[in-house]
Amino acid sequence: MRPEHPLPCSSSTSSSQSRVFRVLHCHSSCDLVEEHSQPSFKLLTLSISRASLSRDQCKWLLASSSQSIESLKVQEVGASLASLADVMGGFVKKLHINRLHDPQAISGFVNLQSLRIDEFDLYTDTLRDNMQSSLKTFAFNWSRKTIQHNMPVLLRCNWQPSLQSLDIYHSPTVNVEDVGDKTRQRLVAINNHLIEPCAARGIQINWLL
């Protein structure tokens, strides 16, 4: 475990001014309670990578921040996403996950305004059936299947009526000289599958590299 702001060894050294905290390479067997005094800071942003935290560990580690964390980024945390949702799911507004190991866990985040998923294949059924939040922004990676099928299906069934914009990462550009006419036409045709339902709902598309 390598926190950006090390866990305090005693309450006298805890920092209430910390606003960002990163946890790397921690597993559910880590004895946080025995090795460190409970943190007392209030975080606004939390980033966790390659960690496995039990619900009790999440409660201990984030007790003072469970209602203040607005932005959560997780990478390779497995079932820990459900534990994090149990502890702070009612308060996180921005969630960025690289892989949705537990599709049900996303239902624990009920007040999200922004969601980004880095997987190239979206779990359409999970997003349709388990999203409890009213999103303003949804971000994902460009893939032919997602652009041609997954997102249009969601949008046409009135998924997330509050949605205002889509941020699409790794979008292949159609406006450079080294792209042939056939490739450009094919990409335009693929993108049109998403452009049309977005236009019908007044949703802005941001094509990002």
N, C-alpha and C. Protein backbone atom coordinates (compact mmCIF):
# COMPACT_ATOMS: atom_id res chain seq x y z
N MET A 1 0.84 -1.19 0.00
CA MET A 1 0.00 0.00 0.00
C MET A 1 0.87 1.23 0.00
N ARG A 2 0.67 2.11 -1.01
CA ARG A 2 1.52 3.28 -1.13
C ARG A 2 0.65 4.53 -1.30
N PRO A 3 0.17 5.10 -0.18
CA PRO A 3 -0.69 6.26 -0.29
C PRO A 3 0.09 7.50 -0.68
N GLU A 4 -0.54 8.39 -1.45
CA GLU A 4 0.10 9.64 -1.79
C GLU A 4 0.31 10.48 -0.54
N HIS A 5 -0.66 10.46 0.37
CA HIS A 5 -0.51 11.05 1.69
C HIS A 5 -0.46 9.88 2.67
N PRO A 6 0.69 9.52 3.23
CA PRO A 6 0.80 8.32 4.06
C PRO A 6 -0.21 8.33 5.20
N LEU A 7 -0.72 7.15 5.50
CA LEU A 7 -1.63 7.04 6.63
C LEU A 7 -0.92 7.46 7.90
N PRO A 8 -1.55 8.26 8.76
CA PRO A 8 -0.89 8.74 9.97
C PRO A 8 -0.62 7.63 10.96
N CYS A 9 0.51 7.74 11.68
CA CYS A 9 0.86 6.75 12.70
C CYS A 9 0.17 7.05 14.02
N SER A 10 -0.28 8.24 14.20
CA SER A 10 -1.02 8.60 15.40
C SER A 10 -1.95 9.72 15.05
N SER A 11 -2.95 9.93 15.87
CA SER A 11 -3.94 10.95 15.57
C SER A 11 -3.35 12.34 15.56
N SER A 12 -2.25 12.54 16.24
CA SER A 12 -1.65 13.87 16.29
C SER A 12 -1.00 14.25 14.98
N THR A 13 -0.69 13.24 14.13
CA THR A 13 -0.05 13.55 12.85
C THR A 13 -1.02 13.48 11.68
N SER A 14 -2.29 13.22 11.93
CA SER A 14 -3.25 13.14 10.84
C SER A 14 -3.44 14.52 10.23
N SER A 15 -3.68 14.52 8.91
CA SER A 15 -3.82 15.79 8.20
C SER A 15 -5.25 16.02 7.78
N SER A 16 -5.87 17.03 8.36
CA SER A 16 -7.24 17.37 7.98
C SER A 16 -7.26 18.22 6.73
N GLN A 17 -6.06 18.61 6.21
CA GLN A 17 -6.00 19.45 5.02
C GLN A 17 -5.90 18.62 3.74
N SER A 18 -5.70 17.32 3.84
CA SER A 18 -5.58 16.48 2.65
C SER A 18 -6.87 16.50 1.85
N ARG A 19 -6.74 16.61 0.53
CA ARG A 19 -7.90 16.64 -0.33
C ARG A 19 -7.87 15.53 -1.38
N VAL A 20 -6.69 14.93 -1.59
CA VAL A 20 -6.56 13.84 -2.54
C VAL A 20 -5.81 12.70 -1.86
N PHE A 21 -6.30 11.46 -2.05
CA PHE A 21 -5.67 10.31 -1.42
C PHE A 21 -5.67 9.16 -2.42
N ARG A 22 -4.51 8.56 -2.67
CA ARG A 22 -4.41 7.44 -3.59
C ARG A 22 -3.91 6.20 -2.85
N VAL A 23 -4.55 5.08 -3.12
CA VAL A 23 -4.17 3.81 -2.53
C VAL A 23 -3.72 2.88 -3.65
N LEU A 24 -2.51 2.33 -3.54
CA LEU A 24 -1.97 1.43 -4.55
C LEU A 24 -1.53 0.11 -3.91
N HIS A 25 -1.85 -0.98 -4.56
CA HIS A 25 -1.35 -2.31 -4.17
C HIS A 25 -1.69 -2.66 -2.72
N CYS A 26 -2.94 -2.62 -2.39
CA CYS A 26 -3.39 -3.06 -1.06
C CYS A 26 -4.41 -4.17 -1.26
N HIS A 27 -4.39 -5.14 -0.36
CA HIS A 27 -5.31 -6.26 -0.46
C HIS A 27 -6.10 -6.39 0.84
N SER A 28 -7.14 -7.19 0.78
CA SER A 28 -8.03 -7.31 1.93
C SER A 28 -7.32 -7.86 3.16
N SER A 29 -6.15 -8.47 2.96
CA SER A 29 -5.39 -9.00 4.10
C SER A 29 -4.57 -7.93 4.80
N CYS A 30 -4.45 -6.74 4.19
CA CYS A 30 -3.70 -5.66 4.84
C CYS A 30 -4.36 -5.29 6.16
N ASP A 31 -3.58 -5.22 7.22
CA ASP A 31 -4.13 -4.91 8.54
C ASP A 31 -4.01 -3.42 8.80
N LEU A 32 -4.89 -2.66 8.15
CA LEU A 32 -4.82 -1.21 8.28
C LEU A 32 -5.08 -0.76 9.71
N VAL A 33 -6.02 -1.41 10.36
CA VAL A 33 -6.42 -0.99 11.70
C VAL A 33 -5.29 -1.13 12.69
N GLU A 34 -4.52 -2.22 12.57
CA GLU A 34 -3.42 -2.46 13.50
C GLU A 34 -2.22 -1.57 13.22
N GLU A 35 -1.97 -1.27 11.94
CA GLU A 35 -0.76 -0.56 11.57
C GLU A 35 -0.89 0.96 11.59
N HIS A 36 -2.11 1.46 11.52
CA HIS A 36 -2.29 2.91 11.41
C HIS A 36 -3.48 3.36 12.26
N SER A 37 -3.39 4.58 12.71
CA SER A 37 -4.56 5.17 13.37
C SER A 37 -5.55 5.59 12.30
N GLN A 38 -6.80 5.67 12.65
CA GLN A 38 -7.84 5.96 11.66
C GLN A 38 -7.69 7.37 11.11
N PRO A 39 -7.69 7.54 9.79
CA PRO A 39 -7.57 8.88 9.21
C PRO A 39 -8.75 9.76 9.60
N SER A 40 -8.49 11.05 9.70
CA SER A 40 -9.55 11.98 10.09
C SER A 40 -9.76 13.07 9.06
N PHE A 41 -9.10 12.96 7.89
CA PHE A 41 -9.26 14.01 6.89
C PHE A 41 -10.56 13.82 6.11
N LYS A 42 -10.94 14.88 5.39
CA LYS A 42 -12.11 14.82 4.52
C LYS A 42 -11.63 15.00 3.07
N LEU A 43 -11.73 13.92 2.31
CA LEU A 43 -11.25 13.94 0.94
C LEU A 43 -12.35 14.38 -0.01
N LEU A 44 -11.93 15.01 -1.10
CA LEU A 44 -12.84 15.34 -2.19
C LEU A 44 -12.68 14.36 -3.35
N THR A 45 -11.45 13.83 -3.51
CA THR A 45 -11.12 12.93 -4.62
C THR A 45 -10.43 11.69 -4.09
N LEU A 46 -10.83 10.53 -4.58
CA LEU A 46 -10.21 9.27 -4.18
C LEU A 46 -9.88 8.47 -5.43
N SER A 47 -8.62 8.02 -5.52
CA SER A 47 -8.18 7.18 -6.63
C SER A 47 -7.57 5.90 -6.06
N ILE A 48 -8.10 4.75 -6.45
CA ILE A 48 -7.63 3.47 -5.95
C ILE A 48 -7.26 2.57 -7.13
N SER A 49 -6.05 2.00 -7.07
CA SER A 49 -5.58 1.15 -8.16
C SER A 49 -5.02 -0.16 -7.62
N ARG A 50 -5.43 -1.26 -8.23
CA ARG A 50 -4.93 -2.60 -7.89
C ARG A 50 -5.01 -2.87 -6.40
N ALA A 51 -6.17 -2.66 -5.86
CA ALA A 51 -6.38 -2.86 -4.42
C ALA A 51 -7.62 -3.71 -4.20
N SER A 52 -7.63 -4.41 -3.09
CA SER A 52 -8.79 -5.19 -2.70
C SER A 52 -9.11 -4.85 -1.26
N LEU A 53 -10.17 -4.11 -1.07
CA LEU A 53 -10.55 -3.64 0.26
C LEU A 53 -11.89 -4.24 0.66
N SER A 54 -11.95 -4.76 1.85
CA SER A 54 -13.22 -5.28 2.37
C SER A 54 -14.11 -4.11 2.76
N ARG A 55 -15.36 -4.42 3.04
CA ARG A 55 -16.29 -3.36 3.45
C ARG A 55 -15.84 -2.73 4.76
N ASP A 56 -15.35 -3.56 5.69
CA ASP A 56 -14.89 -3.03 6.98
C ASP A 56 -13.67 -2.13 6.80
N GLN A 57 -12.77 -2.51 5.90
CA GLN A 57 -11.60 -1.67 5.65
C GLN A 57 -12.01 -0.33 5.03
N CYS A 58 -12.95 -0.39 4.11
CA CYS A 58 -13.44 0.85 3.49
C CYS A 58 -14.08 1.76 4.54
N LYS A 59 -14.87 1.16 5.42
CA LYS A 59 -15.52 1.96 6.46
C LYS A 59 -14.49 2.59 7.38
N TRP A 60 -13.46 1.82 7.76
CA TRP A 60 -12.42 2.35 8.65
C TRP A 60 -11.61 3.44 7.96
N LEU A 61 -11.18 3.17 6.73
CA LEU A 61 -10.31 4.09 6.02
C LEU A 61 -11.00 5.39 5.65
N LEU A 62 -12.30 5.31 5.33
CA LEU A 62 -12.99 6.46 4.74
C LEU A 62 -14.12 6.98 5.62
N ALA A 63 -14.08 6.63 6.89
CA ALA A 63 -15.16 7.05 7.78
C ALA A 63 -15.37 8.56 7.78
N SER A 64 -14.28 9.32 7.79
CA SER A 64 -14.40 10.77 7.86
C SER A 64 -14.63 11.41 6.50
N SER A 65 -14.52 10.62 5.43
CA SER A 65 -14.65 11.17 4.08
C SER A 65 -15.83 10.60 3.30
N SER A 66 -16.59 9.71 3.91
CA SER A 66 -17.62 8.99 3.17
C SER A 66 -18.68 9.92 2.58
N GLN A 67 -18.87 11.09 3.21
CA GLN A 67 -19.88 12.02 2.71
C GLN A 67 -19.28 13.22 1.99
N SER A 68 -17.94 13.27 1.87
CA SER A 68 -17.30 14.41 1.22
C SER A 68 -16.67 14.07 -0.12
N ILE A 69 -16.42 12.79 -0.37
CA ILE A 69 -15.79 12.39 -1.64
C ILE A 69 -16.78 12.56 -2.79
N GLU A 70 -16.42 13.40 -3.75
CA GLU A 70 -17.27 13.65 -4.90
C GLU A 70 -16.79 12.94 -6.15
N SER A 71 -15.47 12.65 -6.21
CA SER A 71 -14.90 12.04 -7.41
C SER A 71 -14.15 10.77 -7.02
N LEU A 72 -14.50 9.66 -7.64
CA LEU A 72 -13.89 8.36 -7.35
C LEU A 72 -13.39 7.74 -8.65
N LYS A 73 -12.10 7.36 -8.65
CA LYS A 73 -11.51 6.67 -9.79
C LYS A 73 -10.95 5.35 -9.30
N VAL A 74 -11.34 4.25 -9.92
CA VAL A 74 -10.89 2.94 -9.49
C VAL A 74 -10.36 2.16 -10.69
N GLN A 75 -9.30 1.39 -10.45
CA GLN A 75 -8.69 0.57 -11.49
C GLN A 75 -8.29 -0.77 -10.89
N GLU A 76 -8.81 -1.84 -11.46
CA GLU A 76 -8.49 -3.19 -11.01
C GLU A 76 -8.75 -3.37 -9.51
N VAL A 77 -9.99 -3.09 -9.09
CA VAL A 77 -10.33 -3.25 -7.67
C VAL A 77 -11.29 -4.41 -7.43
N GLY A 78 -11.76 -5.04 -8.49
CA GLY A 78 -12.61 -6.20 -8.33
C GLY A 78 -13.85 -5.94 -7.51
N ALA A 79 -14.09 -6.82 -6.52
CA ALA A 79 -15.29 -6.71 -5.69
C ALA A 79 -15.25 -5.51 -4.75
N SER A 80 -14.11 -4.84 -4.64
CA SER A 80 -14.02 -3.68 -3.75
C SER A 80 -14.95 -2.54 -4.18
N LEU A 81 -15.33 -2.53 -5.45
CA LEU A 81 -16.24 -1.48 -5.92
C LEU A 81 -17.56 -1.54 -5.16
N ALA A 82 -18.03 -2.74 -4.88
CA ALA A 82 -19.27 -2.89 -4.11
C ALA A 82 -19.08 -2.38 -2.69
N SER A 83 -17.91 -2.64 -2.10
CA SER A 83 -17.63 -2.15 -0.75
C SER A 83 -17.59 -0.63 -0.72
N LEU A 84 -16.98 -0.04 -1.72
CA LEU A 84 -16.92 1.42 -1.81
C LEU A 84 -18.32 2.00 -2.00
N ALA A 85 -19.14 1.32 -2.79
CA ALA A 85 -20.51 1.79 -3.00
C ALA A 85 -21.30 1.75 -1.70
N ASP A 86 -21.08 0.72 -0.90
CA ASP A 86 -21.78 0.62 0.39
C ASP A 86 -21.43 1.79 1.31
N VAL A 87 -20.18 2.22 1.24
CA VAL A 87 -19.70 3.24 2.17
C VAL A 87 -20.00 4.65 1.70
N MET A 88 -19.85 4.91 0.39
CA MET A 88 -19.97 6.30 -0.10
C MET A 88 -20.87 6.45 -1.31
N GLY A 89 -21.59 5.40 -1.67
CA GLY A 89 -22.38 5.42 -2.90
C GLY A 89 -23.42 6.50 -2.99
N GLY A 90 -23.85 7.02 -1.86
CA GLY A 90 -24.88 8.05 -1.89
C GLY A 90 -24.35 9.45 -2.11
N PHE A 91 -23.01 9.60 -2.17
CA PHE A 91 -22.44 10.95 -2.21
C PHE A 91 -21.51 11.19 -3.40
N VAL A 92 -20.96 10.14 -3.99
CA VAL A 92 -20.06 10.31 -5.13
C VAL A 92 -20.84 10.84 -6.33
N LYS A 93 -20.29 11.88 -6.96
CA LYS A 93 -20.94 12.48 -8.13
C LYS A 93 -20.25 12.11 -9.44
N LYS A 94 -18.97 11.75 -9.35
CA LYS A 94 -18.20 11.44 -10.56
C LYS A 94 -17.47 10.13 -10.35
N LEU A 95 -17.74 9.14 -11.19
CA LEU A 95 -17.14 7.81 -11.06
C LEU A 95 -16.44 7.44 -12.36
N HIS A 96 -15.18 7.00 -12.22
CA HIS A 96 -14.37 6.55 -13.37
C HIS A 96 -13.86 5.16 -13.05
N ILE A 97 -14.27 4.17 -13.80
CA ILE A 97 -13.85 2.80 -13.56
C ILE A 97 -13.26 2.23 -14.86
N ASN A 98 -12.23 1.39 -14.70
CA ASN A 98 -11.62 0.84 -15.90
C ASN A 98 -12.30 -0.45 -16.34
N ARG A 99 -12.83 -1.20 -15.37
CA ARG A 99 -13.48 -2.47 -15.71
C ARG A 99 -14.56 -2.78 -14.69
N LEU A 100 -15.71 -3.17 -15.19
CA LEU A 100 -16.85 -3.43 -14.32
C LEU A 100 -16.90 -4.92 -13.98
N HIS A 101 -16.11 -5.32 -12.96
CA HIS A 101 -16.05 -6.73 -12.57
C HIS A 101 -17.39 -7.19 -11.98
N ASP A 102 -18.02 -6.33 -11.21
CA ASP A 102 -19.29 -6.67 -10.57
C ASP A 102 -20.37 -5.74 -11.10
N PRO A 103 -21.12 -6.17 -12.11
CA PRO A 103 -22.12 -5.30 -12.72
C PRO A 103 -23.15 -4.75 -11.73
N GLN A 104 -23.44 -5.50 -10.66
CA GLN A 104 -24.44 -5.06 -9.70
C GLN A 104 -23.93 -3.90 -8.85
N ALA A 105 -22.61 -3.77 -8.72
CA ALA A 105 -22.05 -2.75 -7.83
C ALA A 105 -22.41 -1.34 -8.26
N ILE A 106 -22.62 -1.14 -9.54
CA ILE A 106 -22.88 0.20 -10.03
C ILE A 106 -24.21 0.74 -9.52
N SER A 107 -25.11 -0.16 -9.13
CA SER A 107 -26.41 0.28 -8.62
C SER A 107 -26.29 0.94 -7.25
N GLY A 108 -25.14 0.73 -6.58
CA GLY A 108 -24.94 1.34 -5.27
C GLY A 108 -24.58 2.81 -5.32
N PHE A 109 -24.26 3.32 -6.50
CA PHE A 109 -23.95 4.74 -6.66
C PHE A 109 -25.21 5.42 -7.19
N VAL A 110 -25.88 6.14 -6.31
CA VAL A 110 -27.23 6.61 -6.63
C VAL A 110 -27.31 8.09 -6.98
N ASN A 111 -26.20 8.82 -6.83
CA ASN A 111 -26.24 10.25 -7.11
C ASN A 111 -25.18 10.69 -8.11
N LEU A 112 -24.77 9.79 -9.00
CA LEU A 112 -23.77 10.14 -9.99
C LEU A 112 -24.30 11.16 -10.98
N GLN A 113 -23.43 12.09 -11.34
CA GLN A 113 -23.72 13.00 -12.44
C GLN A 113 -22.86 12.68 -13.65
N SER A 114 -21.70 12.03 -13.40
CA SER A 114 -20.78 11.68 -14.47
C SER A 114 -20.26 10.27 -14.25
N LEU A 115 -20.28 9.46 -15.30
CA LEU A 115 -19.78 8.09 -15.25
C LEU A 115 -18.89 7.85 -16.46
N ARG A 116 -17.68 7.32 -16.21
CA ARG A 116 -16.78 6.92 -17.30
C ARG A 116 -16.39 5.47 -17.10
N ILE A 117 -16.53 4.68 -18.15
CA ILE A 117 -16.14 3.28 -18.15
C ILE A 117 -15.12 3.07 -19.26
N ASP A 118 -13.96 2.50 -18.93
CA ASP A 118 -12.87 2.37 -19.89
C ASP A 118 -12.93 1.11 -20.74
N GLU A 119 -13.83 0.21 -20.44
CA GLU A 119 -13.93 -1.00 -21.25
C GLU A 119 -14.45 -0.67 -22.64
N PHE A 120 -14.00 -1.44 -23.64
CA PHE A 120 -14.44 -1.18 -25.00
C PHE A 120 -15.80 -1.81 -25.30
N ASP A 121 -16.18 -2.83 -24.55
CA ASP A 121 -17.51 -3.42 -24.68
C ASP A 121 -18.33 -3.07 -23.46
N LEU A 122 -19.39 -2.31 -23.67
CA LEU A 122 -20.23 -1.88 -22.56
C LEU A 122 -21.22 -2.98 -22.17
N TYR A 123 -21.55 -3.01 -20.90
CA TYR A 123 -22.57 -3.93 -20.40
C TYR A 123 -23.93 -3.24 -20.56
N THR A 124 -24.52 -3.39 -21.72
CA THR A 124 -25.75 -2.65 -22.02
C THR A 124 -26.86 -2.98 -21.03
N ASP A 125 -27.06 -4.26 -20.74
CA ASP A 125 -28.12 -4.66 -19.82
C ASP A 125 -27.87 -4.10 -18.43
N THR A 126 -26.62 -4.12 -17.99
CA THR A 126 -26.27 -3.59 -16.67
C THR A 126 -26.57 -2.10 -16.59
N LEU A 127 -26.15 -1.37 -17.60
CA LEU A 127 -26.39 0.08 -17.60
C LEU A 127 -27.88 0.39 -17.64
N ARG A 128 -28.63 -0.39 -18.38
CA ARG A 128 -30.07 -0.13 -18.50
C ARG A 128 -30.82 -0.51 -17.22
N ASP A 129 -30.45 -1.61 -16.61
CA ASP A 129 -31.24 -2.14 -15.50
C ASP A 129 -30.74 -1.75 -14.12
N ASN A 130 -29.46 -1.37 -13.98
CA ASN A 130 -28.88 -1.17 -12.65
C ASN A 130 -28.48 0.26 -12.34
N MET A 131 -28.59 1.16 -13.29
CA MET A 131 -28.22 2.54 -13.02
C MET A 131 -29.32 3.24 -12.22
N GLN A 132 -28.97 3.67 -11.00
CA GLN A 132 -29.92 4.37 -10.14
C GLN A 132 -29.74 5.88 -10.20
N SER A 133 -28.66 6.33 -10.81
CA SER A 133 -28.35 7.76 -10.88
C SER A 133 -28.98 8.40 -12.10
N SER A 134 -29.05 9.73 -12.06
CA SER A 134 -29.48 10.52 -13.22
C SER A 134 -28.25 11.23 -13.77
N LEU A 135 -27.64 10.62 -14.78
CA LEU A 135 -26.39 11.13 -15.31
C LEU A 135 -26.59 12.36 -16.18
N LYS A 136 -25.59 13.24 -16.12
CA LYS A 136 -25.50 14.35 -17.06
C LYS A 136 -24.49 14.03 -18.15
N THR A 137 -23.41 13.31 -17.77
CA THR A 137 -22.35 12.96 -18.72
C THR A 137 -22.02 11.48 -18.60
N PHE A 138 -21.91 10.82 -19.75
CA PHE A 138 -21.47 9.44 -19.79
C PHE A 138 -20.28 9.35 -20.74
N ALA A 139 -19.18 8.74 -20.28
CA ALA A 139 -17.96 8.66 -21.07
C ALA A 139 -17.56 7.19 -21.27
N PHE A 140 -17.08 6.89 -22.47
CA PHE A 140 -16.68 5.53 -22.77
C PHE A 140 -15.70 5.55 -23.94
N ASN A 141 -15.11 4.40 -24.24
CA ASN A 141 -14.16 4.28 -25.34
C ASN A 141 -14.87 3.92 -26.63
N TRP A 142 -14.36 4.48 -27.73
CA TRP A 142 -14.93 4.20 -29.04
C TRP A 142 -14.69 2.74 -29.43
N SER A 143 -15.73 2.08 -29.85
CA SER A 143 -15.62 0.78 -30.52
C SER A 143 -16.78 0.69 -31.49
N ARG A 144 -16.59 -0.06 -32.53
CA ARG A 144 -17.64 -0.15 -33.56
C ARG A 144 -18.95 -0.68 -32.97
N LYS A 145 -18.84 -1.70 -32.13
CA LYS A 145 -20.05 -2.29 -31.54
C LYS A 145 -20.78 -1.29 -30.66
N THR A 146 -20.03 -0.53 -29.87
CA THR A 146 -20.65 0.44 -28.97
C THR A 146 -21.33 1.56 -29.74
N ILE A 147 -20.66 2.06 -30.78
CA ILE A 147 -21.19 3.19 -31.55
C ILE A 147 -22.37 2.76 -32.42
N GLN A 148 -22.26 1.60 -33.03
CA GLN A 148 -23.31 1.16 -33.95
C GLN A 148 -24.51 0.55 -33.24
N HIS A 149 -24.27 -0.07 -32.12
CA HIS A 149 -25.36 -0.85 -31.51
C HIS A 149 -25.66 -0.47 -30.06
N ASN A 150 -24.67 -0.63 -29.17
CA ASN A 150 -24.96 -0.53 -27.74
C ASN A 150 -25.57 0.81 -27.33
N MET A 151 -24.87 1.91 -27.65
CA MET A 151 -25.37 3.21 -27.23
C MET A 151 -26.66 3.61 -27.94
N PRO A 152 -26.79 3.41 -29.26
CA PRO A 152 -28.08 3.73 -29.89
C PRO A 152 -29.26 2.99 -29.27
N VAL A 153 -29.06 1.72 -28.90
CA VAL A 153 -30.13 0.96 -28.27
C VAL A 153 -30.52 1.59 -26.94
N LEU A 154 -29.53 1.96 -26.14
CA LEU A 154 -29.82 2.60 -24.86
C LEU A 154 -30.54 3.93 -25.04
N LEU A 155 -30.06 4.73 -25.96
CA LEU A 155 -30.64 6.06 -26.15
C LEU A 155 -32.07 5.98 -26.67
N ARG A 156 -32.33 5.04 -27.53
CA ARG A 156 -33.68 4.94 -28.11
C ARG A 156 -34.70 4.39 -27.13
N CYS A 157 -34.24 3.75 -26.06
CA CYS A 157 -35.19 3.29 -25.03
C CYS A 157 -35.30 4.31 -23.91
N ASN A 158 -34.83 5.54 -24.20
CA ASN A 158 -34.91 6.67 -23.27
C ASN A 158 -34.08 6.44 -22.01
N TRP A 159 -32.96 5.76 -22.18
CA TRP A 159 -32.03 5.57 -21.06
C TRP A 159 -31.49 6.91 -20.60
N GLN A 160 -31.50 7.13 -19.32
CA GLN A 160 -30.97 8.34 -18.71
C GLN A 160 -31.55 9.60 -19.36
N PRO A 161 -32.81 9.92 -19.09
CA PRO A 161 -33.44 11.12 -19.67
C PRO A 161 -32.70 12.42 -19.35
N SER A 162 -31.92 12.41 -18.27
CA SER A 162 -31.19 13.61 -17.85
C SER A 162 -29.89 13.82 -18.62
N LEU A 163 -29.51 12.86 -19.45
CA LEU A 163 -28.20 12.88 -20.12
C LEU A 163 -28.06 14.10 -21.03
N GLN A 164 -26.92 14.80 -20.86
CA GLN A 164 -26.65 16.01 -21.64
C GLN A 164 -25.51 15.83 -22.64
N SER A 165 -24.55 14.97 -22.32
CA SER A 165 -23.40 14.83 -23.21
C SER A 165 -22.78 13.44 -23.12
N LEU A 166 -22.15 13.03 -24.22
CA LEU A 166 -21.36 11.81 -24.28
C LEU A 166 -19.93 12.20 -24.59
N ASP A 167 -18.99 11.71 -23.78
CA ASP A 167 -17.56 11.89 -24.04
C ASP A 167 -17.02 10.56 -24.56
N ILE A 168 -16.57 10.55 -25.81
CA ILE A 168 -16.14 9.31 -26.44
C ILE A 168 -14.63 9.37 -26.66
N TYR A 169 -13.90 8.51 -25.95
CA TYR A 169 -12.44 8.51 -25.99
C TYR A 169 -11.92 7.54 -27.06
N HIS A 170 -10.69 7.80 -27.50
CA HIS A 170 -10.02 6.99 -28.51
C HIS A 170 -10.82 6.96 -29.81
N SER A 171 -11.43 8.10 -30.12
CA SER A 171 -12.22 8.19 -31.35
C SER A 171 -11.31 8.30 -32.56
N PRO A 172 -11.46 7.44 -33.55
CA PRO A 172 -10.65 7.57 -34.78
C PRO A 172 -11.06 8.83 -35.53
N THR A 173 -10.09 9.60 -35.93
CA THR A 173 -10.40 10.86 -36.60
C THR A 173 -10.72 10.63 -38.07
N VAL A 174 -11.60 11.44 -38.59
CA VAL A 174 -11.98 11.34 -40.01
C VAL A 174 -11.54 12.58 -40.77
N ASN A 175 -10.73 13.42 -40.13
CA ASN A 175 -10.36 14.70 -40.73
C ASN A 175 -8.87 14.87 -40.92
N VAL A 176 -8.14 13.78 -41.17
CA VAL A 176 -6.70 13.88 -41.40
C VAL A 176 -6.39 13.36 -42.79
N GLU A 177 -5.29 13.84 -43.36
CA GLU A 177 -4.96 13.54 -44.74
C GLU A 177 -4.61 12.08 -44.98
N ASP A 178 -4.08 11.39 -43.94
CA ASP A 178 -3.63 10.02 -44.16
C ASP A 178 -4.76 9.00 -44.04
N VAL A 179 -5.99 9.47 -43.90
CA VAL A 179 -7.14 8.58 -43.89
C VAL A 179 -7.75 8.56 -45.29
N GLY A 180 -7.83 7.37 -45.86
CA GLY A 180 -8.36 7.25 -47.21
C GLY A 180 -9.85 7.53 -47.27
N ASP A 181 -10.34 7.79 -48.46
CA ASP A 181 -11.76 8.14 -48.62
C ASP A 181 -12.67 7.01 -48.15
N LYS A 182 -12.31 5.76 -48.48
CA LYS A 182 -13.16 4.64 -48.09
C LYS A 182 -13.20 4.50 -46.57
N THR A 183 -12.03 4.64 -45.94
CA THR A 183 -11.97 4.56 -44.48
C THR A 183 -12.78 5.68 -43.86
N ARG A 184 -12.63 6.88 -44.41
CA ARG A 184 -13.37 8.03 -43.88
C ARG A 184 -14.88 7.83 -44.02
N GLN A 185 -15.30 7.35 -45.14
CA GLN A 185 -16.74 7.11 -45.36
C GLN A 185 -17.27 6.04 -44.41
N ARG A 186 -16.45 5.00 -44.19
CA ARG A 186 -16.87 3.93 -43.29
C ARG A 186 -17.01 4.45 -41.86
N LEU A 187 -16.05 5.26 -41.40
CA LEU A 187 -16.11 5.82 -40.05
C LEU A 187 -17.30 6.76 -39.89
N VAL A 188 -17.54 7.57 -40.91
CA VAL A 188 -18.68 8.48 -40.85
C VAL A 188 -19.99 7.69 -40.75
N ALA A 189 -20.09 6.61 -41.52
CA ALA A 189 -21.29 5.78 -41.48
C ALA A 189 -21.48 5.14 -40.11
N ILE A 190 -20.37 4.69 -39.51
CA ILE A 190 -20.45 4.09 -38.18
C ILE A 190 -20.90 5.14 -37.16
N ASN A 191 -20.27 6.29 -37.18
CA ASN A 191 -20.59 7.33 -36.21
C ASN A 191 -22.01 7.84 -36.35
N ASN A 192 -22.55 7.81 -37.57
CA ASN A 192 -23.91 8.29 -37.78
C ASN A 192 -24.94 7.47 -37.02
N HIS A 193 -24.62 6.22 -36.72
CA HIS A 193 -25.54 5.40 -35.94
C HIS A 193 -25.79 6.02 -34.56
N LEU A 194 -24.79 6.71 -34.03
CA LEU A 194 -24.91 7.35 -32.73
C LEU A 194 -25.34 8.81 -32.85
N ILE A 195 -24.88 9.46 -33.88
CA ILE A 195 -25.19 10.89 -34.04
C ILE A 195 -26.68 11.12 -34.15
N GLU A 196 -27.37 10.26 -34.88
CA GLU A 196 -28.80 10.47 -35.11
C GLU A 196 -29.63 10.39 -33.82
N PRO A 197 -29.50 9.35 -32.99
CA PRO A 197 -30.29 9.32 -31.75
C PRO A 197 -29.88 10.41 -30.76
N CYS A 198 -28.59 10.79 -30.79
CA CYS A 198 -28.16 11.89 -29.91
C CYS A 198 -28.80 13.21 -30.34
N ALA A 199 -28.84 13.44 -31.64
CA ALA A 199 -29.47 14.66 -32.15
C ALA A 199 -30.95 14.70 -31.80
N ALA A 200 -31.59 13.56 -31.86
CA ALA A 200 -33.02 13.50 -31.54
C ALA A 200 -33.30 13.85 -30.08
N ARG A 201 -32.34 13.56 -29.21
CA ARG A 201 -32.52 13.85 -27.78
C ARG A 201 -31.78 15.10 -27.34
N GLY A 202 -31.09 15.77 -28.24
CA GLY A 202 -30.37 16.99 -27.88
C GLY A 202 -29.14 16.72 -27.04
N ILE A 203 -28.50 15.58 -27.25
CA ILE A 203 -27.31 15.19 -26.48
C ILE A 203 -26.06 15.58 -27.27
N GLN A 204 -25.14 16.27 -26.62
CA GLN A 204 -23.90 16.68 -27.25
C GLN A 204 -22.90 15.53 -27.24
N ILE A 205 -22.20 15.35 -28.37
CA ILE A 205 -21.16 14.34 -28.46
C ILE A 205 -19.80 15.02 -28.52
N ASN A 206 -18.89 14.60 -27.63
CA ASN A 206 -17.54 15.09 -27.63
C ASN A 206 -16.61 13.96 -28.06
N TRP A 207 -16.06 14.07 -29.28
CA TRP A 207 -15.17 13.04 -29.81
C TRP A 207 -13.75 13.35 -29.32
N LEU A 208 -13.19 12.49 -28.50
CA LEU A 208 -11.91 12.74 -27.86
C LEU A 208 -10.88 11.69 -28.26
N LEU A 209 -9.63 12.12 -28.34
CA LEU A 209 -8.56 11.21 -28.72
C LEU A 209 -8.10 10.38 -27.53
